[in-house]
Amino acid sequence: MSEPDRPSTARMIDFWLGGEHHFPVDVAAARAFEQAYGPCAAIFRSLRDFLGRAVRAITDAGVDGFLVFGAGVPTRGNVHEVAPEATVLYTDVDPVAIRLGQRILAGSDRVGYGFGDATDIGTIDPAQLHRYVPGWGRRPVGVVFLGLAAFLDDDTLARTLDELYAAAAPGSFLAVDFDGEELAAYPEALAMMGPSFRMRPAAAFGPLLGRWTPTADGVVPVARWRPSGTPDPVPDAFYGALATRAAD
């Protein structure tokens, strides 16, 4: 893979997670954001740990197929590493992330990576969907929707989550996160996120889930969602939930 001339959020996160799939341009951008804000590595590791706990909760419920939106770099504790017996379809809209993901996952018969726009499930290749998420629409699956809500306006986010609810089978799960208002105190870092980035107050998260029903844990800072011990001492930048799709 040739070295890119522009940074990628997915590869910056890989850098913060201690991964190997990033370039100097990504490291420079990550360092600049750290200068403007602070403890990015700890925050993103806490978010990745939340993903791991949510995936384990989903597999403990007997679900063995996952559809992942905004997948980025599929490593460092991503879904198929947490649930090695499951089948997983990673999707993204970034062609560079897709090519990288396909290269990382080459040779796997249980895990695939393809184009998929979370706001239009019809953009996913049906052959890939039914190969890696067998029984989609008929058997419960795990839908992973992390890192996306902050880049969708309220109407688009609510519609998207409702369409996913309608498409998924009863008994399915949704792992989702929201950006809180942490960056409001860091205007330089906030400016780096671009005009489409949306912070939300905690009270706004629940209503946006629509028909998805959060588990009893609620929508809470990710470090405090079913922690395995003392919660990580990180800022409450991300709030997460595991929600279920009820029977019709």
C-alpha atoms as a PDB file:
ATOM      1  CA  MET A   1       0.000   0.000   0.000  1.00  0.00           C
ATOM      2  CA  SER A   2       1.532   3.337  -1.053  1.00  0.00           C
ATOM      3  CA  GLU A   3       1.994   6.005   1.558  1.00  0.00           C
ATOM      4  CA  PRO A   4      -0.951   8.461   1.553  1.00  0.00           C
ATOM      5  CA  ASP A   5      -0.533  12.216   1.623  1.00  0.00           C
ATOM      6  CA  ARG A   6      -3.576  12.869   3.811  1.00  0.00           C
ATOM      7  CA  PRO A   7      -4.285  11.592   7.315  1.00  0.00           C
ATOM      8  CA  SER A   8      -7.129   9.181   8.014  1.00  0.00           C
ATOM      9  CA  THR A   9      -9.159   9.160  11.217  1.00  0.00           C
ATOM     10  CA  ALA A  10      -9.225   5.362  11.083  1.00  0.00           C
ATOM     11  CA  ARG A  11      -5.428   5.159  10.896  1.00  0.00           C
ATOM     12  CA  MET A  12      -5.034   7.844  13.589  1.00  0.00           C
ATOM     13  CA  ILE A  13      -7.170   5.685  15.864  1.00  0.00           C
ATOM     14  CA  ASP A  14      -5.012   2.678  14.935  1.00  0.00           C
ATOM     15  CA  PHE A  15      -1.989   4.706  16.063  1.00  0.00           C
ATOM     16  CA  TRP A  16      -3.673   5.608  19.357  1.00  0.00           C
ATOM     17  CA  LEU A  17      -4.570   1.961  19.903  1.00  0.00           C
ATOM     18  CA  GLY A  18      -0.939   0.909  19.405  1.00  0.00           C
ATOM     19  CA  GLY A  19      -1.568  -0.685  16.016  1.00  0.00           C
ATOM     20  CA  GLU A  20       0.688  -1.031  12.990  1.00  0.00           C
ATOM     21  CA  HIS A  21      -1.513   0.211  10.138  1.00  0.00           C
ATOM     22  CA  HIS A  22      -0.760   3.928   9.980  1.00  0.00           C
ATOM     23  CA  PHE A  23       1.689   6.295   8.319  1.00  0.00           C
ATOM     24  CA  PRO A  24       3.753   9.352   9.354  1.00  0.00           C
ATOM     25  CA  VAL A  25       1.015  11.671   8.081  1.00  0.00           C
ATOM     26  CA  ASP A  26      -1.437   9.996  10.482  1.00  0.00           C
ATOM     27  CA  VAL A  27       0.972  10.232  13.408  1.00  0.00           C
ATOM     28  CA  ALA A  28       1.538  13.928  12.728  1.00  0.00           C
ATOM     29  CA  ALA A  29      -2.207  14.583  12.675  1.00  0.00           C
ATOM     30  CA  ALA A  30      -2.702  12.543  15.846  1.00  0.00           C
ATOM     31  CA  ARG A  31       0.040  14.474  17.624  1.00  0.00           C
ATOM     32  CA  ALA A  32      -1.489  17.780  16.544  1.00  0.00           C
ATOM     33  CA  PHE A  33      -4.869  16.759  17.933  1.00  0.00           C
ATOM     34  CA  GLU A  34      -3.236  15.645  21.184  1.00  0.00           C
ATOM     35  CA  GLN A  35      -1.625  19.077  21.489  1.00  0.00           C
ATOM     36  CA  ALA A  36      -5.041  20.688  21.090  1.00  0.00           C
ATOM     37  CA  TYR A  37      -6.864  18.285  23.390  1.00  0.00           C
ATOM     38  CA  GLY A  38      -5.015  15.654  25.378  1.00  0.00           C
ATOM     39  CA  PRO A  39      -5.418  11.971  26.313  1.00  0.00           C
ATOM     40  CA  CYS A  40      -6.562  10.513  22.993  1.00  0.00           C
ATOM     41  CA  ALA A  41      -4.873   7.126  23.350  1.00  0.00           C
ATOM     42  CA  ALA A  42      -6.490   6.412  26.724  1.00  0.00           C
ATOM     43  CA  ILE A  43      -9.908   7.559  25.490  1.00  0.00           C
ATOM     44  CA  PHE A  44      -9.869   5.466  22.323  1.00  0.00           C
ATOM     45  CA  ARG A  45      -8.562   2.427  24.185  1.00  0.00           C
ATOM     46  CA  SER A  46     -11.450   2.843  26.606  1.00  0.00           C
ATOM     47  CA  LEU A  47     -13.868   3.003  23.668  1.00  0.00           C
ATOM     48  CA  ARG A  48     -12.314  -0.123  22.131  1.00  0.00           C
ATOM     49  CA  ASP A  49     -12.614  -1.893  25.497  1.00  0.00           C
ATOM     50  CA  PHE A  50     -16.313  -0.961  25.542  1.00  0.00           C
ATOM     51  CA  LEU A  51     -16.671  -2.531  22.098  1.00  0.00           C
ATOM     52  CA  GLY A  52     -15.075  -5.710  23.399  1.00  0.00           C
ATOM     53  CA  ARG A  53     -17.392  -5.937  26.391  1.00  0.00           C
ATOM     54  CA  ALA A  54     -20.442  -5.243  24.232  1.00  0.00           C
ATOM     55  CA  VAL A  55     -19.434  -7.886  21.678  1.00  0.00           C
ATOM     56  CA  ARG A  56     -18.908 -10.448  24.429  1.00  0.00           C
ATOM     57  CA  ALA A  57     -22.348  -9.623  25.831  1.00  0.00           C
ATOM     58  CA  ILE A  58     -23.864 -10.153  22.384  1.00  0.00           C
ATOM     59  CA  THR A  59     -22.118 -13.479  21.856  1.00  0.00           C
ATOM     60  CA  ASP A  60     -23.098 -14.576  25.376  1.00  0.00           C
ATOM     61  CA  ALA A  61     -26.702 -14.095  24.218  1.00  0.00           C
ATOM     62  CA  GLY A  62     -26.091 -16.643  21.457  1.00  0.00           C
ATOM     63  CA  VAL A  63     -25.550 -14.268  18.537  1.00  0.00           C
ATOM     64  CA  ASP A  64     -22.759 -15.280  16.152  1.00  0.00           C
ATOM     65  CA  GLY A  65     -23.058 -12.835  13.236  1.00  0.00           C
ATOM     66  CA  PHE A  66     -22.052  -9.160  13.195  1.00  0.00           C
ATOM     67  CA  LEU A  67     -22.523  -6.240  10.802  1.00  0.00           C
ATOM     68  CA  VAL A  68     -20.112  -3.387  11.524  1.00  0.00           C
ATOM     69  CA  PHE A  69     -20.504   0.145  10.156  1.00  0.00           C
ATOM     70  CA  GLY A  70     -17.693   2.698  10.013  1.00  0.00           C
ATOM     71  CA  ALA A  71     -15.274  -0.129  10.698  1.00  0.00           C
ATOM     72  CA  GLY A  72     -11.993   1.674  10.067  1.00  0.00           C
ATOM     73  CA  VAL A  73      -8.968  -0.554  10.657  1.00  0.00           C
ATOM     74  CA  PRO A  74     -10.228  -4.037  11.612  1.00  0.00           C
ATOM     75  CA  THR A  75      -7.672  -4.952  14.257  1.00  0.00           C
ATOM     76  CA  ARG A  76      -6.538  -4.187  17.810  1.00  0.00           C
ATOM     77  CA  GLY A  77      -9.508  -5.734  19.594  1.00  0.00           C
ATOM     78  CA  ASN A  78     -12.054  -5.299  16.839  1.00  0.00           C
ATOM     79  CA  VAL A  79     -15.077  -7.580  16.570  1.00  0.00           C
ATOM     80  CA  HIS A  80     -13.597 -10.685  14.945  1.00  0.00           C
ATOM     81  CA  GLU A  81     -10.708 -10.702  17.427  1.00  0.00           C
ATOM     82  CA  VAL A  82     -13.086 -10.560  20.389  1.00  0.00           C
ATOM     83  CA  ALA A  83     -15.486 -13.131  18.883  1.00  0.00           C
ATOM     84  CA  PRO A  84     -13.276 -15.453  16.798  1.00  0.00           C
ATOM     85  CA  GLU A  85     -16.073 -17.987  16.287  1.00  0.00           C
ATOM     86  CA  ALA A  86     -18.442 -15.396  14.825  1.00  0.00           C
ATOM     87  CA  THR A  87     -18.834 -14.262  11.241  1.00  0.00           C
ATOM     88  CA  VAL A  88     -18.311 -10.551  10.672  1.00  0.00           C
ATOM     89  CA  LEU A  89     -18.882  -8.116   7.823  1.00  0.00           C
ATOM     90  CA  TYR A  90     -16.982  -4.868   8.280  1.00  0.00           C
ATOM     91  CA  THR A  91     -18.156  -1.929   6.182  1.00  0.00           C
ATOM     92  CA  ASP A  92     -17.016   1.632   5.579  1.00  0.00           C
ATOM     93  CA  VAL A  93     -17.461   4.374   2.991  1.00  0.00           C
ATOM     94  CA  ASP A  94     -13.748   5.209   2.774  1.00  0.00           C
ATOM     95  CA  PRO A  95     -12.203   3.311  -0.156  1.00  0.00           C
ATOM     96  CA  VAL A  96      -8.731   3.486   1.417  1.00  0.00           C
ATOM     97  CA  ALA A  97     -10.003   1.936   4.665  1.00  0.00           C
ATOM     98  CA  ILE A  98     -11.811  -0.748   2.677  1.00  0.00           C
ATOM     99  CA  ARG A  99      -8.688  -1.681   0.713  1.00  0.00           C
ATOM    100  CA  LEU A 100      -6.609  -1.773   3.887  1.00  0.00           C
ATOM    101  CA  GLY A 101      -9.234  -3.864   5.666  1.00  0.00           C
ATOM    102  CA  GLN A 102      -9.456  -6.305   2.787  1.00  0.00           C
ATOM    103  CA  ARG A 103      -5.679  -6.685   2.798  1.00  0.00           C
ATOM    104  CA  ILE A 104      -5.584  -7.309   6.557  1.00  0.00           C
ATOM    105  CA  LEU A 105      -8.392  -9.872   6.370  1.00  0.00           C
ATOM    106  CA  ALA A 106      -7.292 -11.609   3.158  1.00  0.00           C
ATOM    107  CA  GLY A 107      -7.650 -15.374   3.457  1.00  0.00           C
ATOM    108  CA  SER A 108     -10.315 -15.342   6.170  1.00  0.00           C
ATOM    109  CA  ASP A 109     -13.457 -17.292   5.382  1.00  0.00           C
ATOM    110  CA  ARG A 110     -15.358 -15.878   8.367  1.00  0.00           C
ATOM    111  CA  VAL A 111     -14.643 -12.157   8.076  1.00  0.00           C
ATOM    112  CA  GLY A 112     -15.160  -9.791   5.138  1.00  0.00           C
ATOM    113  CA  TYR A 113     -14.844  -6.082   4.406  1.00  0.00           C
ATOM    114  CA  GLY A 114     -16.801  -4.090   1.845  1.00  0.00           C
ATOM    115  CA  PHE A 115     -18.499  -0.807   1.060  1.00  0.00           C
ATOM    116  CA  GLY A 116     -21.450   0.100   3.230  1.00  0.00           C
ATOM    117  CA  ASP A 117     -23.102   3.416   4.069  1.00  0.00           C
ATOM    118  CA  ALA A 118     -24.864   3.142   7.408  1.00  0.00           C
ATOM    119  CA  THR A 119     -27.491   5.644   6.263  1.00  0.00           C
ATOM    120  CA  ASP A 120     -28.436   3.405   3.312  1.00  0.00           C
ATOM    121  CA  ILE A 121     -28.208  -0.303   4.054  1.00  0.00           C
ATOM    122  CA  GLY A 122     -28.995  -0.977   0.406  1.00  0.00           C
ATOM    123  CA  THR A 123     -25.431   0.077  -0.467  1.00  0.00           C
ATOM    124  CA  ILE A 124     -24.057  -3.156   1.027  1.00  0.00           C
ATOM    125  CA  ASP A 125     -23.302  -5.916  -1.474  1.00  0.00           C
ATOM    126  CA  PRO A 126     -26.080  -8.489  -0.861  1.00  0.00           C
ATOM    127  CA  ALA A 127     -23.704 -11.366  -1.595  1.00  0.00           C
ATOM    128  CA  GLN A 128     -21.279 -10.147   1.075  1.00  0.00           C
ATOM    129  CA  LEU A 129     -24.088  -9.482   3.531  1.00  0.00           C
ATOM    130  CA  HIS A 130     -25.537 -12.957   3.261  1.00  0.00           C
ATOM    131  CA  ARG A 131     -22.144 -14.647   3.233  1.00  0.00           C
ATOM    132  CA  TYR A 132     -20.789 -12.988   6.359  1.00  0.00           C
ATOM    133  CA  VAL A 133     -24.033 -12.226   8.195  1.00  0.00           C
ATOM    134  CA  PRO A 134     -26.020 -15.353   7.297  1.00  0.00           C
ATOM    135  CA  GLY A 135     -29.683 -15.105   8.087  1.00  0.00           C
ATOM    136  CA  TRP A 136     -29.667 -11.291   8.014  1.00  0.00           C
ATOM    137  CA  GLY A 137     -33.240 -10.186   8.633  1.00  0.00           C
ATOM    138  CA  ARG A 138     -34.241 -13.661   9.825  1.00  0.00           C
ATOM    139  CA  ARG A 139     -31.928 -14.433  12.746  1.00  0.00           C
ATOM    140  CA  PRO A 140     -30.586 -12.161  15.493  1.00  0.00           C
ATOM    141  CA  VAL A 141     -27.364 -10.331  14.702  1.00  0.00           C
ATOM    142  CA  GLY A 142     -25.088  -7.813  16.338  1.00  0.00           C
ATOM    143  CA  VAL A 143     -24.997  -4.391  14.663  1.00  0.00           C
ATOM    144  CA  VAL A 144     -21.996  -2.246  15.587  1.00  0.00           C
ATOM    145  CA  PHE A 145     -22.473   1.499  15.073  1.00  0.00           C
ATOM    146  CA  LEU A 146     -19.493   3.225  16.666  1.00  0.00           C
ATOM    147  CA  GLY A 147     -17.909   6.519  15.677  1.00  0.00           C
ATOM    148  CA  LEU A 148     -20.776   7.525  13.395  1.00  0.00           C
ATOM    149  CA  ALA A 149     -23.454   9.294  15.436  1.00  0.00           C
ATOM    150  CA  ALA A 150     -21.337  12.420  15.858  1.00  0.00           C
ATOM    151  CA  PHE A 151     -21.284  12.929  12.077  1.00  0.00           C
ATOM    152  CA  LEU A 152     -25.029  12.600  11.484  1.00  0.00           C
ATOM    153  CA  ASP A 153     -27.659  15.211  12.275  1.00  0.00           C
ATOM    154  CA  ASP A 154     -30.481  14.191  14.602  1.00  0.00           C
ATOM    155  CA  ASP A 155     -33.003  13.449  11.852  1.00  0.00           C
ATOM    156  CA  THR A 156     -30.563  11.371   9.802  1.00  0.00           C
ATOM    157  CA  LEU A 157     -29.328   9.474  12.851  1.00  0.00           C
ATOM    158  CA  ALA A 158     -32.836   8.694  14.088  1.00  0.00           C
ATOM    159  CA  ARG A 159     -33.942   7.570  10.620  1.00  0.00           C
ATOM    160  CA  THR A 160     -30.834   5.434  10.152  1.00  0.00           C
ATOM    161  CA  LEU A 161     -31.213   3.648  13.472  1.00  0.00           C
ATOM    162  CA  ASP A 162     -34.904   3.075  12.797  1.00  0.00           C
ATOM    163  CA  GLU A 163     -34.162   1.594   9.372  1.00  0.00           C
ATOM    164  CA  LEU A 164     -31.603  -0.731  10.938  1.00  0.00           C
ATOM    165  CA  TYR A 165     -34.190  -1.710  13.545  1.00  0.00           C
ATOM    166  CA  ALA A 166     -36.682  -2.549  10.811  1.00  0.00           C
ATOM    167  CA  ALA A 167     -34.117  -4.548   8.806  1.00  0.00           C
ATOM    168  CA  ALA A 168     -32.673  -6.574  11.688  1.00  0.00           C
ATOM    169  CA  ALA A 169     -34.420  -9.637  13.044  1.00  0.00           C
ATOM    170  CA  PRO A 170     -36.103  -9.614  16.469  1.00  0.00           C
ATOM    171  CA  GLY A 171     -33.559 -10.391  19.174  1.00  0.00           C
ATOM    172  CA  SER A 172     -30.806  -8.432  17.437  1.00  0.00           C
ATOM    173  CA  PHE A 173     -28.451  -6.110  19.299  1.00  0.00           C
ATOM    174  CA  LEU A 174     -27.090  -2.636  18.574  1.00  0.00           C
ATOM    175  CA  ALA A 175     -23.777  -1.445  20.040  1.00  0.00           C
ATOM    176  CA  VAL A 176     -23.715   2.323  19.653  1.00  0.00           C
ATOM    177  CA  ASP A 177     -21.826   5.332  20.938  1.00  0.00           C
ATOM    178  CA  PHE A 178     -22.417   9.072  21.086  1.00  0.00           C
ATOM    179  CA  ASP A 179     -20.012  11.988  21.531  1.00  0.00           C
ATOM    180  CA  GLY A 180     -20.694  14.029  24.635  1.00  0.00           C
ATOM    181  CA  GLU A 181     -19.770  17.684  25.051  1.00  0.00           C
ATOM    182  CA  GLU A 182     -16.195  17.083  26.181  1.00  0.00           C
ATOM    183  CA  LEU A 183     -14.608  19.021  23.309  1.00  0.00           C
ATOM    184  CA  ALA A 184     -16.643  22.165  23.995  1.00  0.00           C
ATOM    185  CA  ALA A 185     -13.868  23.268  26.333  1.00  0.00           C
ATOM    186  CA  TYR A 186     -11.208  22.733  23.648  1.00  0.00           C
ATOM    187  CA  PRO A 187     -12.112  24.988  20.705  1.00  0.00           C
ATOM    188  CA  GLU A 188      -8.913  24.279  18.746  1.00  0.00           C
ATOM    189  CA  ALA A 189      -9.535  20.524  18.899  1.00  0.00           C
ATOM    190  CA  LEU A 190     -13.231  21.028  18.133  1.00  0.00           C
ATOM    191  CA  ALA A 191     -12.327  23.019  15.009  1.00  0.00           C
ATOM    192  CA  MET A 192     -10.188  20.102  13.807  1.00  0.00           C
ATOM    193  CA  MET A 193     -13.251  17.837  13.822  1.00  0.00           C
ATOM    194  CA  GLY A 194     -14.870  19.805  11.015  1.00  0.00           C
ATOM    195  CA  PRO A 195     -18.318  21.378  10.570  1.00  0.00           C
ATOM    196  CA  SER A 196     -20.216  18.073  10.437  1.00  0.00           C
ATOM    197  CA  PHE A 197     -19.123  17.026  13.940  1.00  0.00           C
ATOM    198  CA  ARG A 198     -21.966  17.078  16.476  1.00  0.00           C
ATOM    199  CA  MET A 199     -21.635  16.989  20.234  1.00  0.00           C
ATOM    200  CA  ARG A 200     -24.783  16.211  22.172  1.00  0.00           C
ATOM    201  CA  PRO A 201     -25.884  16.490  25.800  1.00  0.00           C
ATOM    202  CA  ALA A 202     -26.378  13.178  27.565  1.00  0.00           C
ATOM    203  CA  ALA A 203     -30.147  13.710  27.748  1.00  0.00           C
ATOM    204  CA  ALA A 204     -30.359  13.583  23.937  1.00  0.00           C
ATOM    205  CA  PHE A 205     -28.938  10.092  23.504  1.00  0.00           C
ATOM    206  CA  GLY A 206     -31.838   7.918  24.616  1.00  0.00           C
ATOM    207  CA  PRO A 207     -34.526   9.496  22.391  1.00  0.00           C
ATOM    208  CA  LEU A 208     -32.317   9.093  19.303  1.00  0.00           C
ATOM    209  CA  LEU A 209     -32.363   5.310  19.745  1.00  0.00           C
ATOM    210  CA  GLY A 210     -36.042   5.267  18.844  1.00  0.00           C
ATOM    211  CA  ARG A 211     -37.409   1.719  18.975  1.00  0.00           C
ATOM    212  CA  TRP A 212     -34.101   0.215  20.077  1.00  0.00           C
ATOM    213  CA  THR A 213     -34.296  -0.522  23.814  1.00  0.00           C
ATOM    214  CA  PRO A 214     -31.138  -0.008  25.872  1.00  0.00           C
ATOM    215  CA  THR A 215     -30.222  -2.740  28.322  1.00  0.00           C
ATOM    216  CA  ALA A 216     -30.615  -1.921  32.000  1.00  0.00           C
ATOM    217  CA  ASP A 217     -27.137  -0.362  31.892  1.00  0.00           C
ATOM    218  CA  GLY A 218     -28.566   2.606  29.995  1.00  0.00           C
ATOM    219  CA  VAL A 219     -26.492   5.038  27.930  1.00  0.00           C
ATOM    220  CA  VAL A 220     -23.451   5.796  30.056  1.00  0.00           C
ATOM    221  CA  PRO A 221     -19.815   6.864  29.659  1.00  0.00           C
ATOM    222  CA  VAL A 222     -18.140   3.933  27.943  1.00  0.00           C
ATOM    223  CA  ALA A 223     -15.655   3.333  30.747  1.00  0.00           C
ATOM    224  CA  ARG A 224     -18.587   2.788  33.104  1.00  0.00           C
ATOM    225  CA  TRP A 225     -20.495   0.364  30.891  1.00  0.00           C
ATOM    226  CA  ARG A 226     -20.113  -3.018  32.624  1.00  0.00           C
ATOM    227  CA  PRO A 227     -16.482  -2.412  33.609  1.00  0.00           C
ATOM    228  CA  SER A 228     -14.471  -5.513  34.395  1.00  0.00           C
ATOM    229  CA  GLY A 229     -12.995  -3.723  37.406  1.00  0.00           C
ATOM    230  CA  THR A 230     -12.519  -0.114  38.412  1.00  0.00           C
ATOM    231  CA  PRO A 231     -13.556   2.054  35.435  1.00  0.00           C
ATOM    232  CA  ASP A 232     -10.723   3.620  33.460  1.00  0.00           C
ATOM    233  CA  PRO A 233     -10.026   7.181  34.693  1.00  0.00           C
ATOM    234  CA  VAL A 234     -10.712   8.868  31.355  1.00  0.00           C
ATOM    235  CA  PRO A 235     -12.839  11.899  30.464  1.00  0.00           C
ATOM    236  CA  ASP A 236     -16.458  11.212  29.545  1.00  0.00           C
ATOM    237  CA  ALA A 237     -15.901  11.852  25.840  1.00  0.00           C
ATOM    238  CA  PHE A 238     -17.904   8.876  24.587  1.00  0.00           C
ATOM    239  CA  TYR A 239     -21.179   7.465  25.881  1.00  0.00           C
ATOM    240  CA  GLY A 240     -22.171   3.964  24.911  1.00  0.00           C
ATOM    241  CA  ALA A 241     -25.090   1.572  25.027  1.00  0.00           C
ATOM    242  CA  LEU A 242     -26.107  -1.892  24.068  1.00  0.00           C
ATOM    243  CA  ALA A 243     -29.689  -1.930  22.825  1.00  0.00           C
ATOM    244  CA  THR A 244     -32.021  -4.668  21.699  1.00  0.00           C
ATOM    245  CA  ARG A 245     -34.617  -5.117  19.001  1.00  0.00           C
ATOM    246  CA  ALA A 246     -37.848  -6.412  20.460  1.00  0.00           C
ATOM    247  CA  ALA A 247     -40.089  -9.060  18.971  1.00  0.00           C
ATOM    248  CA  ASP A 248     -42.619  -7.786  16.435  1.00  0.00           C
END
